[in-house]
C-alpha atoms as a PDB file:
ATOM      1  CA  MET A   1       8.852 -11.062  12.628  1.00  0.00           C
ATOM      2  CA  SER A   2       6.710 -10.920   9.851  1.00  0.00           C
ATOM      3  CA  ASP A   3       7.171 -12.635   6.420  1.00  0.00           C
ATOM      4  CA  ILE A   4       7.268  -9.141   5.116  1.00  0.00           C
ATOM      5  CA  LYS A   5       9.737  -7.628   7.000  1.00  0.00           C
ATOM      6  CA  GLU A   6      12.012 -10.564   7.211  1.00  0.00           C
ATOM      7  CA  VAL A   7      11.546 -10.418   3.399  1.00  0.00           C
ATOM      8  CA  LEU A   8      12.560  -7.187   3.380  1.00  0.00           C
ATOM      9  CA  SER A   9      15.634  -7.614   6.014  1.00  0.00           C
ATOM     10  CA  LYS A  10      16.630 -10.507   4.672  1.00  0.00           C
ATOM     11  CA  TYR A  11      17.308 -10.963   0.784  1.00  0.00           C
ATOM     12  CA  LYS A  12      19.285  -8.739  -1.004  1.00  0.00           C
ATOM     13  CA  SER A  13      17.281  -9.947  -4.733  1.00  0.00           C
ATOM     14  CA  ILE A  14      13.735  -9.551  -5.175  1.00  0.00           C
ATOM     15  CA  ALA A  15      11.497 -10.751  -8.028  1.00  0.00           C
ATOM     16  CA  MET A  16       8.319  -8.413  -8.668  1.00  0.00           C
ATOM     17  CA  VAL A  17       5.446  -8.526 -11.195  1.00  0.00           C
ATOM     18  CA  GLY A  18       4.280  -5.566 -12.016  1.00  0.00           C
ATOM     19  CA  VAL A  19       6.735  -3.080 -12.032  1.00  0.00           C
ATOM     20  CA  SER A  20       7.215   0.117 -14.310  1.00  0.00           C
ATOM     21  CA  ASN A  21      10.397  -0.038 -16.770  1.00  0.00           C
ATOM     22  CA  ASP A  22      10.814   3.277 -15.863  1.00  0.00           C
ATOM     23  CA  PRO A  23      14.319   3.938 -14.433  1.00  0.00           C
ATOM     24  CA  THR A  24      13.121   6.722 -11.998  1.00  0.00           C
ATOM     25  CA  LYS A  25      10.495   4.648 -10.269  1.00  0.00           C
ATOM     26  CA  ALA A  26      11.077   2.753  -6.285  1.00  0.00           C
ATOM     27  CA  SER A  27       9.318  -0.393  -8.137  1.00  0.00           C
ATOM     28  CA  THR A  28      12.395  -0.481 -10.341  1.00  0.00           C
ATOM     29  CA  ILE A  29      15.165  -1.065  -7.746  1.00  0.00           C
ATOM     30  CA  VAL A  30      14.076  -5.191  -6.762  1.00  0.00           C
ATOM     31  CA  MET A  31      13.586  -7.332  -9.895  1.00  0.00           C
ATOM     32  CA  LYS A  32      15.161 -10.735  -8.863  1.00  0.00           C
ATOM     33  CA  ALA A  33      15.610 -13.316  -6.153  1.00  0.00           C
ATOM     34  CA  LYS A  34      14.024 -15.973  -3.995  1.00  0.00           C
ATOM     35  CA  VAL A  35      11.045 -13.744  -3.557  1.00  0.00           C
ATOM     36  CA  LEU A  36       8.198 -13.486  -5.867  1.00  0.00           C
ATOM     37  CA  TRP A  37       6.251 -10.775  -5.287  1.00  0.00           C
ATOM     38  CA  LEU A  38       2.864  -9.018  -6.409  1.00  0.00           C
ATOM     39  CA  GLN A  39       2.668  -5.417  -6.148  1.00  0.00           C
ATOM     40  CA  LEU A  40      -0.567  -3.609  -5.302  1.00  0.00           C
ATOM     41  CA  GLY A  41      -3.759  -5.109  -7.200  1.00  0.00           C
ATOM     42  CA  ILE A  42      -1.673  -8.526  -8.351  1.00  0.00           C
ATOM     43  CA  ARG A  43      -2.460 -12.006  -6.925  1.00  0.00           C
ATOM     44  CA  ASP A  44      -2.021 -15.592  -8.292  1.00  0.00           C
ATOM     45  CA  GLU A  45      -3.401 -18.498  -6.202  1.00  0.00           C
ATOM     46  CA  LYS A  46      -1.350 -21.068  -9.406  1.00  0.00           C
ATOM     47  CA  ALA A  47       1.476 -18.653  -8.442  1.00  0.00           C
ATOM     48  CA  LYS A  48       1.935 -18.766  -5.358  1.00  0.00           C
ATOM     49  CA  GLU A  49       1.224 -22.774  -4.022  1.00  0.00           C
ATOM     50  CA  LEU A  50       4.127 -23.390  -7.021  1.00  0.00           C
ATOM     51  CA  MET A  51       5.781 -21.100  -4.902  1.00  0.00           C
ATOM     52  CA  GLU A  52       5.588 -22.878  -1.891  1.00  0.00           C
ATOM     53  CA  LYS A  53       6.156 -25.598  -3.573  1.00  0.00           C
ATOM     54  CA  ASN A  54       9.367 -24.792  -4.637  1.00  0.00           C
ATOM     55  CA  ASP A  55      10.047 -23.387  -1.173  1.00  0.00           C
ATOM     56  CA  ILE A  56       9.879 -19.672  -2.759  1.00  0.00           C
ATOM     57  CA  LYS A  57       8.479 -16.881  -0.241  1.00  0.00           C
ATOM     58  CA  TYR A  58       5.433 -15.547  -1.791  1.00  0.00           C
ATOM     59  CA  ILE A  59       3.803 -12.448  -1.593  1.00  0.00           C
ATOM     60  CA  GLU A  60       1.061 -10.974  -3.394  1.00  0.00           C
ATOM     61  CA  ASN A  61      -1.113  -7.360  -3.731  1.00  0.00           C
ATOM     62  CA  LYS A  62       1.821  -5.563  -1.491  1.00  0.00           C
ATOM     63  CA  CYS A  63       4.340  -2.410  -2.654  1.00  0.00           C
ATOM     64  CA  THR A  64       8.004  -2.611  -1.854  1.00  0.00           C
ATOM     65  CA  LYS A  65       8.415   0.413  -1.193  1.00  0.00           C
ATOM     66  CA  MET A  66       5.416   0.995   1.043  1.00  0.00           C
ATOM     67  CA  GLU A  67       6.310  -2.119   2.958  1.00  0.00           C
ATOM     68  CA  TYR A  68       9.362  -0.914   3.531  1.00  0.00           C
ATOM     69  CA  GLN A  69       8.683   1.902   5.240  1.00  0.00           C
ATOM     70  CA  LYS A  70       6.389   0.384   7.689  1.00  0.00           C
ATOM     71  CA  TYR A  71       8.819  -1.593   9.003  1.00  0.00           C
ATOM     72  CA  PHE A  72      12.039   0.158   8.434  1.00  0.00           C
ATOM     73  CA  LEU A  73      11.226   4.105   8.832  1.00  0.00           C
ATOM     74  CA  LYS A  74       8.249   3.764  10.527  1.00  0.00           C
ATOM     75  CA  VAL A  75       6.943   6.175   7.834  1.00  0.00           C
ATOM     76  CA  ARG A  76       2.484   6.067   8.001  1.00  0.00           C
ATOM     77  CA  GLN A  77       1.224   4.687   4.374  1.00  0.00           C
ATOM     78  CA  ALA A  78       0.950   7.798   2.092  1.00  0.00           C
ATOM     79  CA  PHE A  79      -2.448   5.983   1.011  1.00  0.00           C
ATOM     80  CA  PRO A  80      -3.957   4.730   3.379  1.00  0.00           C
ATOM     81  CA  VAL A  81      -7.377   3.516   1.025  1.00  0.00           C
ATOM     82  CA  LEU A  82      -4.873   0.335  -0.215  1.00  0.00           C
ATOM     83  CA  SER A  83      -3.518  -0.573   3.285  1.00  0.00           C
ATOM     84  CA  ASP A  84      -4.664  -3.941   4.252  1.00  0.00           C
END
């Protein structure tokens, strides 16, 4: 199982950096937990080191909605140019 699928399956709360403060946006669903999730386009080596040092899962440059769709709804990416 990939780390992303495990995180989306196991954790009920995920902290996200770069989310909208618009309550109608999908990204506002997950806001705090034992995971630091950096949205598309966001990477931080110092944050990664700090999370690993403190046994906190770290995911960078990924959209929670797109990853959820990929692993659980088997939906293809809406924007293939954004995929890895």
